Amino acid sequence: MSKDRTIVPGRIEGFLSGCPFCTSQRIGIPEIGSRFRIIWGTHLGAVGTVVEWPENTPYIPDEFLAQVDNEPPEWQTRVCIKRQMIQVFPFAPVPEWAPPLCMSDAGEIDLATVRFCERSFQKGKWKTDWDSLNEVVRTSWYKRLPLELNELWLVLKAHGVPETVESEIVEFYERGRSLLVHSCGRKPIKKKRVKPLLM
């Protein structure tokens, strides 16, 4: 991350840090013929090609039509970029900060992280929104994600959380998750540690 760059925590900083989920929110509708895969949402993991809408089809905002691999040629699938996230071929390299989670679990953490960042960065200044950070804690606990503290911090940092708040945020996360596990169970599942962004 360049020190000369203006930091805008959330989706923008995630995009500049190579986050595939944040990138998906900025690419818009792919061109006809583009190859893509779905990395979050309905039909996760599906790979396909963008095709033209049938003649006289009314315009549908934020959607495109696709021919998904291994489906009959007469079947086409609607893809909504507001409810699904995609990657267009060729894929960018997996960022070094990516957590050791599958694509689906990493996408859940990304959504909570972006919401936390964007609610904490108001009028050009950072002020930690603890309620939104609670959602990061809840997501990690509920999904039983085996994230180490330093691994979570790398995700937060990649999305623009300032280093000046690292210690208090990491401590808050650790205490919150420990309390949930102690009172409600659902310990992290070690088998969920996989190659970063595995489909």
C-alpha atoms as a PDB file:
ATOM      1  CA  MET A   1       0.000   0.000   0.000  1.00  0.00           C
ATOM      2  CA  SER A   2       1.513   3.300  -1.068  1.00  0.00           C
ATOM      3  CA  LYS A   3       1.947   5.808   1.757  1.00  0.00           C
ATOM      4  CA  ASP A   4       1.290   8.613  -0.733  1.00  0.00           C
ATOM      5  CA  ARG A   5      -2.206   7.363  -1.518  1.00  0.00           C
ATOM      6  CA  THR A   6      -5.311   8.809   0.093  1.00  0.00           C
ATOM      7  CA  ILE A   7      -6.953   6.102   2.151  1.00  0.00           C
ATOM      8  CA  VAL A   8     -10.715   5.660   1.778  1.00  0.00           C
ATOM      9  CA  PRO A   9     -11.608   2.731   4.050  1.00  0.00           C
ATOM     10  CA  GLY A  10     -14.076   0.166   2.798  1.00  0.00           C
ATOM     11  CA  ARG A  11     -14.879  -0.913  -0.738  1.00  0.00           C
ATOM     12  CA  ILE A  12     -12.489   1.538  -2.436  1.00  0.00           C
ATOM     13  CA  GLU A  13      -9.453   0.607  -0.369  1.00  0.00           C
ATOM     14  CA  GLY A  14     -10.318  -3.069  -0.687  1.00  0.00           C
ATOM     15  CA  PHE A  15     -10.404  -2.704  -4.467  1.00  0.00           C
ATOM     16  CA  LEU A  16      -7.014  -0.981  -4.490  1.00  0.00           C
ATOM     17  CA  SER A  17      -5.629  -3.755  -2.251  1.00  0.00           C
ATOM     18  CA  GLY A  18      -6.720  -6.451  -4.690  1.00  0.00           C
ATOM     19  CA  CYS A  19      -9.822  -7.728  -2.871  1.00  0.00           C
ATOM     20  CA  PRO A  20     -11.816  -9.814  -5.386  1.00  0.00           C
ATOM     21  CA  PHE A  21     -15.125  -9.032  -3.660  1.00  0.00           C
ATOM     22  CA  CYS A  22     -14.555  -5.283  -3.657  1.00  0.00           C
ATOM     23  CA  THR A  23     -13.378  -5.495  -7.260  1.00  0.00           C
ATOM     24  CA  SER A  24     -16.602  -7.253  -8.207  1.00  0.00           C
ATOM     25  CA  GLN A  25     -18.605  -4.284  -6.926  1.00  0.00           C
ATOM     26  CA  ARG A  26     -16.744  -1.908  -9.245  1.00  0.00           C
ATOM     27  CA  ILE A  27     -16.533  -3.697 -12.601  1.00  0.00           C
ATOM     28  CA  GLY A  28     -20.166  -3.278 -13.659  1.00  0.00           C
ATOM     29  CA  ILE A  29     -21.761  -5.457 -16.350  1.00  0.00           C
ATOM     30  CA  PRO A  30     -19.132  -7.495 -18.261  1.00  0.00           C
ATOM     31  CA  GLU A  31     -19.009  -7.307 -22.045  1.00  0.00           C
ATOM     32  CA  ILE A  32     -20.736  -9.894 -24.203  1.00  0.00           C
ATOM     33  CA  GLY A  33     -18.445 -12.899 -24.567  1.00  0.00           C
ATOM     34  CA  SER A  34     -16.605 -12.309 -21.292  1.00  0.00           C
ATOM     35  CA  ARG A  35     -15.791 -15.379 -19.229  1.00  0.00           C
ATOM     36  CA  PHE A  36     -16.504 -15.153 -15.510  1.00  0.00           C
ATOM     37  CA  ARG A  37     -17.135 -17.112 -12.337  1.00  0.00           C
ATOM     38  CA  ILE A  38     -19.430 -16.417  -9.391  1.00  0.00           C
ATOM     39  CA  ILE A  39     -17.466 -15.979  -6.159  1.00  0.00           C
ATOM     40  CA  TRP A  40     -20.284 -15.112  -3.750  1.00  0.00           C
ATOM     41  CA  GLY A  41     -24.053 -15.539  -3.693  1.00  0.00           C
ATOM     42  CA  THR A  42     -26.402 -17.840  -5.595  1.00  0.00           C
ATOM     43  CA  HIS A  43     -24.700 -20.361  -7.907  1.00  0.00           C
ATOM     44  CA  LEU A  44     -21.363 -19.945  -6.099  1.00  0.00           C
ATOM     45  CA  GLY A  45     -18.547 -21.432  -8.156  1.00  0.00           C
ATOM     46  CA  ALA A  46     -20.448 -21.419 -11.451  1.00  0.00           C
ATOM     47  CA  VAL A  47     -18.361 -20.514 -14.502  1.00  0.00           C
ATOM     48  CA  GLY A  48     -19.923 -19.118 -17.626  1.00  0.00           C
ATOM     49  CA  THR A  49     -19.939 -16.729 -20.569  1.00  0.00           C
ATOM     50  CA  VAL A  50     -21.870 -13.473 -20.868  1.00  0.00           C
ATOM     51  CA  VAL A  51     -24.417 -13.687 -23.683  1.00  0.00           C
ATOM     52  CA  GLU A  52     -26.881 -11.297 -25.272  1.00  0.00           C
ATOM     53  CA  TRP A  53     -30.399 -10.904 -23.955  1.00  0.00           C
ATOM     54  CA  PRO A  54     -33.138 -12.276 -26.245  1.00  0.00           C
ATOM     55  CA  GLU A  55     -34.557  -9.711 -28.647  1.00  0.00           C
ATOM     56  CA  ASN A  56     -37.200  -7.387 -27.171  1.00  0.00           C
ATOM     57  CA  THR A  57     -36.264  -8.264 -23.582  1.00  0.00           C
ATOM     58  CA  PRO A  58     -36.909  -5.256 -21.287  1.00  0.00           C
ATOM     59  CA  TYR A  59     -33.820  -3.704 -19.693  1.00  0.00           C
ATOM     60  CA  ILE A  60     -33.104  -5.173 -16.248  1.00  0.00           C
ATOM     61  CA  PRO A  61     -30.784  -2.966 -14.148  1.00  0.00           C
ATOM     62  CA  ASP A  62     -27.652  -4.585 -12.705  1.00  0.00           C
ATOM     63  CA  GLU A  63     -28.235  -7.937 -14.406  1.00  0.00           C
ATOM     64  CA  PHE A  64     -26.743  -9.831 -17.310  1.00  0.00           C
ATOM     65  CA  LEU A  65     -27.508 -13.115 -19.025  1.00  0.00           C
ATOM     66  CA  ALA A  66     -25.035 -15.983 -19.005  1.00  0.00           C
ATOM     67  CA  GLN A  67     -24.515 -19.378 -20.528  1.00  0.00           C
ATOM     68  CA  VAL A  68     -23.197 -21.413 -17.610  1.00  0.00           C
ATOM     69  CA  ASP A  69     -20.720 -24.180 -18.403  1.00  0.00           C
ATOM     70  CA  ASN A  70     -22.158 -27.702 -18.533  1.00  0.00           C
ATOM     71  CA  GLU A  71     -25.736 -26.498 -18.803  1.00  0.00           C
ATOM     72  CA  PRO A  72     -27.859 -27.197 -21.909  1.00  0.00           C
ATOM     73  CA  PRO A  73     -27.433 -24.522 -24.606  1.00  0.00           C
ATOM     74  CA  GLU A  74     -31.115 -23.623 -24.367  1.00  0.00           C
ATOM     75  CA  TRP A  75     -30.713 -22.749 -20.685  1.00  0.00           C
ATOM     76  CA  GLN A  76     -29.439 -19.299 -19.748  1.00  0.00           C
ATOM     77  CA  THR A  77     -28.955 -17.877 -16.254  1.00  0.00           C
ATOM     78  CA  ARG A  78     -29.602 -14.360 -15.008  1.00  0.00           C
ATOM     79  CA  VAL A  79     -26.783 -12.949 -12.889  1.00  0.00           C
ATOM     80  CA  CYS A  80     -27.392  -9.919 -10.662  1.00  0.00           C
ATOM     81  CA  ILE A  81     -24.250  -8.001  -9.710  1.00  0.00           C
ATOM     82  CA  LYS A  82     -26.043  -6.489  -6.693  1.00  0.00           C
ATOM     83  CA  ARG A  83     -26.821  -9.897  -5.150  1.00  0.00           C
ATOM     84  CA  GLN A  84     -23.901 -11.910  -6.492  1.00  0.00           C
ATOM     85  CA  MET A  85     -20.185 -11.216  -6.859  1.00  0.00           C
ATOM     86  CA  ILE A  86     -18.167 -12.270  -9.872  1.00  0.00           C
ATOM     87  CA  GLN A  87     -14.605 -12.455 -11.166  1.00  0.00           C
ATOM     88  CA  VAL A  88     -13.889 -11.895 -14.838  1.00  0.00           C
ATOM     89  CA  PHE A  89     -11.177 -13.958 -16.558  1.00  0.00           C
ATOM     90  CA  PRO A  90      -8.213 -13.718 -16.367  1.00  0.00           C
ATOM     91  CA  PHE A  91      -8.199 -13.657 -12.575  1.00  0.00           C
ATOM     92  CA  ALA A  92      -5.894 -11.378 -10.617  1.00  0.00           C
ATOM     93  CA  PRO A  93      -3.444 -13.102  -8.241  1.00  0.00           C
ATOM     94  CA  VAL A  94      -4.725 -13.924  -4.767  1.00  0.00           C
ATOM     95  CA  PRO A  95      -3.580 -11.043  -2.519  1.00  0.00           C
ATOM     96  CA  GLU A  96      -0.957 -11.887   0.120  1.00  0.00           C
ATOM     97  CA  TRP A  97      -3.267 -10.692   2.906  1.00  0.00           C
ATOM     98  CA  ALA A  98      -6.141 -13.002   1.902  1.00  0.00           C
ATOM     99  CA  PRO A  99      -7.378 -15.102   4.842  1.00  0.00           C
ATOM    100  CA  PRO A 100      -6.963 -18.908   4.828  1.00  0.00           C
ATOM    101  CA  LEU A 101     -10.668 -19.413   4.132  1.00  0.00           C
ATOM    102  CA  CYS A 102     -12.746 -20.689   1.243  1.00  0.00           C
ATOM    103  CA  MET A 103     -14.260 -18.117  -1.116  1.00  0.00           C
ATOM    104  CA  SER A 104     -17.693 -18.294   0.509  1.00  0.00           C
ATOM    105  CA  ASP A 105     -16.449 -17.724   4.075  1.00  0.00           C
ATOM    106  CA  ALA A 106     -14.042 -15.002   2.957  1.00  0.00           C
ATOM    107  CA  GLY A 107     -16.949 -13.258   1.226  1.00  0.00           C
ATOM    108  CA  GLU A 108     -18.929 -13.174   4.470  1.00  0.00           C
ATOM    109  CA  ILE A 109     -16.004 -11.584   6.318  1.00  0.00           C
ATOM    110  CA  ASP A 110     -15.559  -9.105   3.467  1.00  0.00           C
ATOM    111  CA  LEU A 111     -19.163  -7.893   3.694  1.00  0.00           C
ATOM    112  CA  ALA A 112     -18.903  -7.355   7.448  1.00  0.00           C
ATOM    113  CA  THR A 113     -15.492  -5.685   7.079  1.00  0.00           C
ATOM    114  CA  VAL A 114     -16.639  -3.254   4.400  1.00  0.00           C
ATOM    115  CA  ARG A 115     -19.710  -2.297   6.415  1.00  0.00           C
ATOM    116  CA  PHE A 116     -17.526  -1.712   9.479  1.00  0.00           C
ATOM    117  CA  CYS A 117     -15.044   0.416   7.549  1.00  0.00           C
ATOM    118  CA  GLU A 118     -17.611   2.559   5.790  1.00  0.00           C
ATOM    119  CA  ARG A 119     -19.544   3.245   8.995  1.00  0.00           C
ATOM    120  CA  SER A 120     -16.338   4.105  10.850  1.00  0.00           C
ATOM    121  CA  PHE A 121     -15.053   6.542   8.213  1.00  0.00           C
ATOM    122  CA  GLN A 122     -17.276   9.610   8.199  1.00  0.00           C
ATOM    123  CA  LYS A 123     -16.541  13.128   6.929  1.00  0.00           C
ATOM    124  CA  GLY A 124     -12.964  12.162   6.107  1.00  0.00           C
ATOM    125  CA  LYS A 125     -12.126  10.935   9.605  1.00  0.00           C
ATOM    126  CA  TRP A 126     -11.916   7.551  11.284  1.00  0.00           C
ATOM    127  CA  LYS A 127     -14.031   6.950  14.379  1.00  0.00           C
ATOM    128  CA  THR A 128     -14.454   3.268  15.186  1.00  0.00           C
ATOM    129  CA  ASP A 129     -18.073   2.142  14.940  1.00  0.00           C
ATOM    130  CA  TRP A 130     -18.127  -0.534  17.627  1.00  0.00           C
ATOM    131  CA  ASP A 131     -21.579  -1.804  16.696  1.00  0.00           C
ATOM    132  CA  SER A 132     -20.341  -2.569  13.179  1.00  0.00           C
ATOM    133  CA  LEU A 133     -17.233  -4.230  14.569  1.00  0.00           C
ATOM    134  CA  ASN A 134     -19.582  -6.428  16.597  1.00  0.00           C
ATOM    135  CA  GLU A 135     -20.917  -7.720  13.279  1.00  0.00           C
ATOM    136  CA  VAL A 136     -17.384  -8.729  12.231  1.00  0.00           C
ATOM    137  CA  VAL A 137     -17.079 -10.604  15.528  1.00  0.00           C
ATOM    138  CA  ARG A 138     -20.514 -12.203  15.118  1.00  0.00           C
ATOM    139  CA  THR A 139     -19.815 -13.297  11.553  1.00  0.00           C
ATOM    140  CA  SER A 140     -16.526 -14.938  12.503  1.00  0.00           C
ATOM    141  CA  TRP A 141     -18.140 -16.678  15.491  1.00  0.00           C
ATOM    142  CA  TYR A 142     -21.346 -17.771  13.735  1.00  0.00           C
ATOM    143  CA  LYS A 143     -19.479 -19.143  10.704  1.00  0.00           C
ATOM    144  CA  ARG A 144     -16.994 -20.808  13.111  1.00  0.00           C
ATOM    145  CA  LEU A 145     -14.046 -19.358  11.220  1.00  0.00           C
ATOM    146  CA  PRO A 146     -10.583 -20.374  12.482  1.00  0.00           C
ATOM    147  CA  LEU A 147      -9.067 -16.926  11.936  1.00  0.00           C
ATOM    148  CA  GLU A 148      -6.008 -15.954  13.951  1.00  0.00           C
ATOM    149  CA  LEU A 149      -5.931 -12.382  15.221  1.00  0.00           C
ATOM    150  CA  ASN A 150      -3.138 -11.359  12.861  1.00  0.00           C
ATOM    151  CA  GLU A 151      -5.017 -12.854   9.898  1.00  0.00           C
ATOM    152  CA  LEU A 152      -8.151 -10.885  10.665  1.00  0.00           C
ATOM    153  CA  TRP A 153      -6.095  -7.731  11.128  1.00  0.00           C
ATOM    154  CA  LEU A 154      -4.536  -8.140   7.678  1.00  0.00           C
ATOM    155  CA  VAL A 155      -8.035  -8.203   6.165  1.00  0.00           C
ATOM    156  CA  LEU A 156      -9.060  -5.093   8.092  1.00  0.00           C
ATOM    157  CA  LYS A 157      -5.836  -3.292   7.211  1.00  0.00           C
ATOM    158  CA  ALA A 158      -6.238  -4.149   3.511  1.00  0.00           C
ATOM    159  CA  HIS A 159      -9.621  -2.417   3.620  1.00  0.00           C
ATOM    160  CA  GLY A 160      -8.195   0.746   5.132  1.00  0.00           C
ATOM    161  CA  VAL A 161      -8.506   0.376   8.904  1.00  0.00           C
ATOM    162  CA  PRO A 162      -5.743   2.641  10.304  1.00  0.00           C
ATOM    163  CA  GLU A 163      -2.857   1.017  12.145  1.00  0.00           C
ATOM    164  CA  THR A 164      -3.330   3.423  15.050  1.00  0.00           C
ATOM    165  CA  VAL A 165      -6.401   1.440  16.176  1.00  0.00           C
ATOM    166  CA  GLU A 166      -4.976  -2.043  15.617  1.00  0.00           C
ATOM    167  CA  SER A 167      -4.434  -2.983  19.274  1.00  0.00           C
ATOM    168  CA  GLU A 168      -7.872  -1.889  20.504  1.00  0.00           C
ATOM    169  CA  ILE A 169      -9.704  -3.517  17.605  1.00  0.00           C
ATOM    170  CA  VAL A 170      -7.826  -6.810  17.878  1.00  0.00           C
ATOM    171  CA  GLU A 171      -8.435  -6.901  21.626  1.00  0.00           C
ATOM    172  CA  PHE A 172     -12.147  -6.121  21.145  1.00  0.00           C
ATOM    173  CA  TYR A 173     -12.453  -8.900  18.564  1.00  0.00           C
ATOM    174  CA  GLU A 174     -10.655 -11.445  20.736  1.00  0.00           C
ATOM    175  CA  ARG A 175     -12.751 -10.659  23.819  1.00  0.00           C
ATOM    176  CA  GLY A 176     -15.992 -10.632  21.860  1.00  0.00           C
ATOM    177  CA  ARG A 177     -15.436 -13.948  20.120  1.00  0.00           C
ATOM    178  CA  SER A 178     -14.206 -15.605  23.332  1.00  0.00           C
ATOM    179  CA  LEU A 179     -17.329 -14.438  25.159  1.00  0.00           C
ATOM    180  CA  LEU A 180     -19.611 -15.820  22.442  1.00  0.00           C
ATOM    181  CA  VAL A 181     -17.815 -19.169  22.374  1.00  0.00           C
ATOM    182  CA  HIS A 182     -17.922 -19.381  26.189  1.00  0.00           C
ATOM    183  CA  SER A 183     -21.626 -18.535  26.460  1.00  0.00           C
ATOM    184  CA  CYS A 184     -23.033 -20.055  23.256  1.00  0.00           C
ATOM    185  CA  GLY A 185     -20.507 -22.641  22.048  1.00  0.00           C
ATOM    186  CA  ARG A 186     -19.639 -22.893  18.340  1.00  0.00           C
ATOM    187  CA  LYS A 187     -15.864 -23.080  18.577  1.00  0.00           C
ATOM    188  CA  PRO A 188     -13.894 -22.367  15.386  1.00  0.00           C
ATOM    189  CA  ILE A 189     -13.599 -25.365  13.048  1.00  0.00           C
ATOM    190  CA  LYS A 190      -9.957 -26.058  12.215  1.00  0.00           C
ATOM    191  CA  LYS A 191     -10.873 -27.894   9.011  1.00  0.00           C
ATOM    192  CA  LYS A 192     -12.160 -24.586   7.643  1.00  0.00           C
ATOM    193  CA  ARG A 193      -8.560 -23.442   7.302  1.00  0.00           C
ATOM    194  CA  VAL A 194      -7.854 -23.946   3.614  1.00  0.00           C
ATOM    195  CA  LYS A 195      -5.863 -22.424   0.811  1.00  0.00           C
ATOM    196  CA  PRO A 196      -6.853 -18.709   0.640  1.00  0.00           C
ATOM    197  CA  LEU A 197      -9.978 -18.111  -1.455  1.00  0.00           C
ATOM    198  CA  LEU A 198     -10.421 -21.762  -2.399  1.00  0.00           C
ATOM    199  CA  MET A 199     -13.612 -22.318  -4.402  1.00  0.00           C
END
